[in-house]
Amino acid sequence: MKLRAVVLAGMVGAFSLPVFAAPAATVNGHAIDNSQVQEIMSMSPDLAKEPNAREQVIQNLVNMEVLSQYADQHGLAQSAAVQERLGLAKRQILADAAVESYVKAHPVSQADVQNAYDKFVAAMGKKEYEVRHILVKTKAEADKIMADLKSGQKFAKLAEKYSIDKGSAAHGGELGWIVPGMVVPPFAQAVETAPIDKPVGPVQTQFGYHIIEVQATRPVTPPSLSSMQDRIKAQLQQQEAAKFVSDLRSKATINITK
C-alpha cells in the first residue's frame, strides 16, 4: 500500500498537479484521480490529440467505476473466473512494470543508436534492384522453367502459372524494388551479380528454388538518422527487454507439464 502511494504521488508530481487537487470525478463518493486520467492520456498520444480527449477519458473511467462498484456489490469478484482474470491481469501489469523498470535502468545511448544506424546503412548497400522471381519446390521444376524462358515463353505467365510465392505470382513474379540486405544471402548474391533482363537460376534458398530476373537498378539513398532515430531506439529497447527476459528464464527453475 505504501508503494502504491509513492507511485501515485510520483505520477501526480510528474504532471505538475497540486498535491491536494480535486479529483477528476467522484462516483458514489469514490474518487477518480487526475493522475489516472493523465496516465491514460500519456499512454495514448493519438487520443490526447483529439478534441475533448480529457472528457472522453473521464467518462470512460466513470463507466469503469460504476461497473466495478456493481461487480463488488454483487460479489462478482469472488467468482473463480473473475479471480483467474484478476490474477492474469496482475501478472501482466507486474511483468510490464519489470520490463519498464529494466529498460529505464539500462537506457539506449546515442552511440548505440548511431551504431545500429550505421549497420542498417551498410546492409542497404549502394544500389537497389527491381526484381521479379519464380519460386518452385524442386530443382527439376526450376530447370524446366529456365528452359521455357530460353524458348521464348513469358516470365510473367510462367510466374503466374508455377510460382508458389502466390503474393508475387499474382503480379507476374514482381517483388518491386529491394536492397540486398532485405533478402537471404543466396538470393541477394544472385541479384547483385545478375545481368539486367536476363533470368538466372536456379538459386536455392530455404524457401525452395528461384528463377530471378533483375529488371533495373538505381542508386539507393538511405533515410536520415533523424528520421529513423525513434524507431531504432524502440527496436534496441525491445532487444534489451528480450535479453532481460531470456536472462531471467535462464536463472529460473522452469517445469512445463506436457
Protein backbone atom coordinates (compact mmCIF):
# COMPACT_ATOMS: atom_id res chain seq x y z
CA MET A 1 0.00 0.00 0.00
CA LYS A 2 2.89 2.36 0.82
CA LEU A 3 4.46 1.63 -2.56
CA ARG A 4 1.20 2.42 -4.37
CA ALA A 5 1.02 5.74 -2.51
CA VAL A 6 4.57 6.57 -3.54
CA VAL A 7 3.87 5.63 -7.18
CA LEU A 8 0.71 7.72 -7.35
CA ALA A 9 2.43 10.64 -5.67
CA GLY A 10 5.24 10.42 -8.23
CA MET A 11 2.74 10.40 -11.08
CA VAL A 12 0.95 13.45 -9.68
CA GLY A 13 4.22 15.30 -9.33
CA ALA A 14 5.28 14.36 -12.85
CA PHE A 15 2.21 16.04 -14.28
CA SER A 16 2.61 19.12 -12.06
CA LEU A 17 -0.72 18.65 -10.30
CA PRO A 18 -1.26 20.22 -6.88
CA VAL A 19 -0.93 17.71 -4.05
CA PHE A 20 -4.50 18.36 -2.93
CA ALA A 21 -6.02 18.80 -6.40
CA ALA A 22 -9.70 17.94 -6.67
CA PRO A 23 -10.39 14.53 -8.22
CA ALA A 24 -11.38 14.37 -11.86
CA ALA A 25 -14.71 12.88 -10.80
CA THR A 26 -16.39 11.03 -7.97
CA VAL A 27 -18.77 8.09 -8.27
CA ASN A 28 -20.85 7.35 -5.18
CA GLY A 29 -18.13 9.01 -3.15
CA HIS A 30 -15.25 7.11 -4.77
CA ALA A 31 -12.68 9.44 -6.32
CA ILE A 32 -11.23 9.13 -9.81
CA ASP A 33 -7.84 10.81 -9.52
CA ASN A 34 -6.49 13.22 -12.11
CA SER A 35 -3.36 11.10 -12.13
CA GLN A 36 -5.36 8.23 -13.62
CA VAL A 37 -6.69 10.49 -16.38
CA GLN A 38 -3.20 11.77 -17.16
CA GLU A 39 -1.74 8.26 -17.15
CA ILE A 40 -4.23 7.06 -19.76
CA MET A 41 -3.65 10.12 -21.93
CA SER A 42 0.12 9.72 -21.69
CA MET A 43 -0.19 6.11 -22.87
CA SER A 44 -2.36 7.16 -25.83
CA PRO A 45 -0.72 10.13 -27.60
CA ASP A 46 -3.16 9.89 -30.52
CA LEU A 47 -6.11 10.01 -28.15
CA ALA A 48 -4.64 13.01 -26.35
CA LYS A 49 -4.70 14.99 -29.61
CA GLU A 50 -8.43 14.52 -30.10
CA PRO A 51 -10.89 17.27 -29.15
CA ASN A 52 -12.38 16.70 -25.70
CA ALA A 53 -9.89 13.88 -25.08
CA ARG A 54 -9.82 14.52 -21.34
CA GLU A 55 -13.60 14.40 -21.16
CA GLN A 56 -13.65 11.11 -23.10
CA VAL A 57 -11.15 9.56 -20.70
CA ILE A 58 -13.06 10.74 -17.63
CA GLN A 59 -16.34 9.37 -18.98
CA ASN A 60 -14.70 6.00 -19.66
CA LEU A 61 -13.25 5.92 -16.15
CA VAL A 62 -16.68 6.76 -14.72
CA ASN A 63 -18.15 3.84 -16.70
CA MET A 64 -15.44 1.56 -15.34
CA GLU A 65 -16.09 2.73 -11.79
CA VAL A 66 -19.87 2.27 -11.84
CA LEU A 67 -19.41 -1.21 -13.32
CA SER A 68 -16.70 -2.07 -10.79
CA GLN A 69 -18.95 -0.96 -7.95
CA TYR A 70 -21.79 -3.07 -9.33
CA ALA A 71 -19.45 -6.08 -9.56
CA ASP A 72 -18.34 -5.59 -5.95
CA GLN A 73 -21.91 -5.19 -4.70
CA HIS A 74 -22.95 -8.42 -6.40
CA GLY A 75 -19.95 -10.45 -5.28
CA LEU A 76 -18.66 -10.97 -8.81
CA ALA A 77 -15.05 -10.57 -7.70
CA GLN A 78 -15.37 -13.82 -5.76
CA SER A 79 -16.13 -16.00 -8.76
CA ALA A 80 -13.38 -18.35 -9.89
CA ALA A 81 -13.41 -16.98 -13.43
CA VAL A 82 -13.03 -13.37 -12.29
CA GLN A 83 -10.31 -14.31 -9.79
CA GLU A 84 -8.41 -16.05 -12.59
CA ARG A 85 -8.67 -12.99 -14.83
CA LEU A 86 -7.64 -10.67 -11.99
CA GLY A 87 -4.62 -12.88 -11.37
CA LEU A 88 -3.63 -12.79 -15.02
CA ALA A 89 -4.12 -9.00 -15.16
CA LYS A 90 -1.92 -8.56 -12.06
CA ARG A 91 0.75 -10.79 -13.54
CA GLN A 92 0.72 -8.81 -16.80
CA ILE A 93 0.90 -5.46 -15.00
CA LEU A 94 3.82 -6.63 -12.88
CA ALA A 95 5.59 -8.07 -15.93
CA ASP A 96 5.16 -4.76 -17.77
CA ALA A 97 6.45 -2.87 -14.73
CA ALA A 98 9.52 -5.13 -14.55
CA VAL A 99 10.38 -4.53 -18.21
CA GLU A 100 9.78 -0.78 -17.93
CA SER A 101 11.99 -0.61 -14.84
CA TYR A 102 14.79 -2.57 -16.51
CA VAL A 103 14.69 -0.53 -19.71
CA LYS A 104 14.71 2.70 -17.72
CA ALA A 105 17.74 1.49 -15.76
CA HIS A 106 19.53 0.45 -18.98
CA PRO A 107 18.92 3.35 -21.39
CA VAL A 108 19.87 3.13 -25.04
CA SER A 109 22.74 5.52 -25.69
CA GLN A 110 23.12 7.74 -28.72
CA ALA A 111 26.22 5.73 -29.58
CA ASP A 112 24.10 2.56 -29.65
CA VAL A 113 21.59 4.25 -31.98
CA GLN A 114 24.38 5.50 -34.26
CA ASN A 115 25.99 2.05 -34.39
CA ALA A 116 22.68 0.39 -35.31
CA TYR A 117 22.03 3.04 -37.97
CA ASP A 118 25.49 2.54 -39.48
CA LYS A 119 24.85 -1.22 -39.70
CA PHE A 120 21.50 -0.58 -41.36
CA VAL A 121 23.06 1.72 -43.96
CA ALA A 122 25.86 -0.76 -44.63
CA ALA A 123 23.32 -3.57 -45.12
CA MET A 124 21.43 -1.46 -47.66
CA GLY A 125 24.45 -1.25 -49.94
CA LYS A 126 24.85 1.30 -52.70
CA LYS A 127 22.12 0.14 -55.09
CA GLU A 128 18.61 -1.18 -55.06
CA TYR A 129 17.21 -3.60 -57.61
CA GLU A 130 13.85 -4.02 -59.31
CA VAL A 131 13.37 -7.78 -59.20
CA ARG A 132 10.92 -10.47 -60.17
CA HIS A 133 11.17 -14.18 -59.44
CA ILE A 134 9.55 -17.56 -59.81
CA LEU A 135 9.72 -19.84 -56.77
CA VAL A 136 9.21 -23.61 -57.02
CA LYS A 137 9.82 -26.56 -54.72
CA THR A 138 12.30 -28.63 -56.76
CA LYS A 139 15.35 -28.06 -58.93
CA ALA A 140 13.74 -30.11 -61.71
CA GLU A 141 10.82 -27.69 -61.83
CA ALA A 142 13.21 -24.73 -61.86
CA ASP A 143 15.30 -26.24 -64.67
CA LYS A 144 12.12 -26.77 -66.71
CA ILE A 145 11.11 -23.13 -66.23
CA MET A 146 14.57 -21.91 -67.27
CA ALA A 147 14.24 -23.99 -70.43
CA ASP A 148 10.81 -22.49 -71.10
CA LEU A 149 12.20 -18.99 -70.71
CA LYS A 150 15.04 -19.74 -73.13
CA SER A 151 12.50 -20.98 -75.63
CA GLY A 152 10.76 -17.60 -75.54
CA GLN A 153 7.94 -18.10 -73.04
CA LYS A 154 6.99 -15.04 -70.97
CA PHE A 155 8.35 -14.68 -67.46
CA ALA A 156 5.12 -13.20 -66.07
CA LYS A 157 2.97 -16.01 -67.45
CA LEU A 158 5.25 -18.69 -66.04
CA ALA A 159 5.31 -16.95 -62.66
CA GLU A 160 1.52 -16.81 -62.56
CA LYS A 161 1.28 -20.48 -63.52
CA TYR A 162 4.05 -22.09 -61.46
CA SER A 163 5.33 -19.86 -58.64
CA ILE A 164 4.45 -20.98 -55.12
CA ASP A 165 5.00 -17.41 -53.90
CA LYS A 166 1.38 -16.54 -54.55
CA GLY A 167 1.75 -12.91 -53.48
CA SER A 168 4.21 -12.10 -56.25
CA ALA A 169 2.83 -14.70 -58.69
CA ALA A 170 -0.38 -12.71 -58.97
CA HIS A 171 1.74 -9.84 -60.32
CA GLY A 172 3.90 -11.80 -62.71
CA GLY A 173 6.54 -12.52 -60.08
CA GLU A 174 7.17 -8.84 -59.31
CA LEU A 175 8.88 -8.14 -55.99
CA GLY A 176 9.36 -4.42 -56.60
CA TRP A 177 12.47 -2.55 -55.52
CA ILE A 178 14.63 -4.35 -52.96
CA VAL A 179 18.04 -3.94 -51.39
CA PRO A 180 20.26 -6.99 -50.87
CA GLY A 181 20.08 -6.66 -47.09
CA MET A 182 16.33 -7.33 -47.23
CA VAL A 183 16.70 -10.88 -48.56
CA VAL A 184 18.51 -14.11 -47.70
CA PRO A 185 22.20 -14.26 -48.78
CA PRO A 186 21.91 -16.64 -51.80
CA PHE A 187 19.10 -14.54 -53.25
CA ALA A 188 21.00 -11.31 -52.54
CA GLN A 189 24.17 -12.60 -54.22
CA ALA A 190 22.22 -13.62 -57.31
CA VAL A 191 20.53 -10.23 -57.52
CA GLU A 192 23.81 -8.34 -57.19
CA THR A 193 25.52 -10.35 -59.96
CA ALA A 194 22.64 -10.88 -62.41
CA PRO A 195 22.67 -9.05 -65.74
CA ILE A 196 19.70 -6.80 -66.46
CA ASP A 197 16.67 -8.50 -68.08
CA LYS A 198 18.31 -11.93 -68.15
CA PRO A 199 16.87 -14.66 -65.88
CA VAL A 200 19.33 -16.52 -63.65
CA GLY A 201 18.92 -19.67 -61.63
CA PRO A 202 18.02 -21.98 -60.19
CA VAL A 203 19.03 -20.26 -56.93
CA GLN A 204 18.41 -22.40 -53.87
CA THR A 205 17.30 -20.90 -50.55
CA GLN A 206 15.45 -22.32 -47.57
CA PHE A 207 12.22 -21.44 -49.39
CA GLY A 208 12.89 -23.53 -52.48
CA TYR A 209 14.39 -22.82 -55.93
CA HIS A 210 14.20 -19.37 -57.51
CA ILE A 211 14.43 -18.12 -61.06
CA ILE A 212 15.43 -14.46 -60.67
CA GLU A 213 15.36 -11.58 -63.11
CA VAL A 214 16.71 -8.10 -62.35
CA GLN A 215 14.81 -5.55 -64.41
CA ALA A 216 16.58 -2.34 -63.35
CA THR A 217 18.95 -0.85 -60.78
CA ARG A 218 19.32 2.58 -59.24
CA PRO A 219 21.42 4.24 -56.52
CA VAL A 220 19.92 3.90 -53.07
CA THR A 221 19.66 6.82 -50.66
CA PRO A 222 19.30 5.68 -47.06
CA PRO A 223 16.88 7.56 -44.80
CA SER A 224 18.47 10.06 -42.43
CA LEU A 225 19.42 9.15 -38.89
CA SER A 226 17.00 11.74 -37.53
CA SER A 227 14.07 10.14 -39.38
CA MET A 228 14.94 6.68 -38.03
CA GLN A 229 16.21 7.50 -34.56
CA ASP A 230 12.97 6.86 -32.65
CA ARG A 231 12.35 3.58 -34.48
CA ILE A 232 15.91 2.36 -33.92
CA LYS A 233 15.77 3.31 -30.25
CA ALA A 234 12.49 1.40 -29.81
CA GLN A 235 13.96 -1.66 -31.53
CA LEU A 236 17.06 -1.57 -29.33
CA GLN A 237 14.88 -1.24 -26.23
CA GLN A 238 12.87 -4.27 -27.35
CA GLN A 239 16.09 -6.23 -27.85
CA GLU A 240 17.30 -5.19 -24.39
CA ALA A 241 13.97 -6.23 -22.86
CA ALA A 242 14.08 -9.59 -24.68
CA LYS A 243 17.59 -10.21 -23.35
CA PHE A 244 16.39 -9.32 -19.85
CA VAL A 245 13.58 -11.88 -20.07
CA SER A 246 15.93 -14.50 -21.52
CA ASP A 247 18.42 -13.95 -18.68
CA LEU A 248 15.68 -14.30 -16.07
CA ARG A 249 14.44 -17.51 -17.68
CA SER A 250 17.96 -18.95 -17.74
CA LYS A 251 18.23 -18.43 -13.97
CA ALA A 252 14.76 -19.77 -13.16
CA THR A 253 13.71 -23.34 -12.47
CA ILE A 254 11.02 -23.94 -15.10
CA ASN A 255 8.97 -27.12 -15.38
CA ILE A 256 6.39 -27.26 -18.17
CA THR A 257 3.86 -30.05 -17.88
CA LYS A 258 3.23 -31.83 -21.17
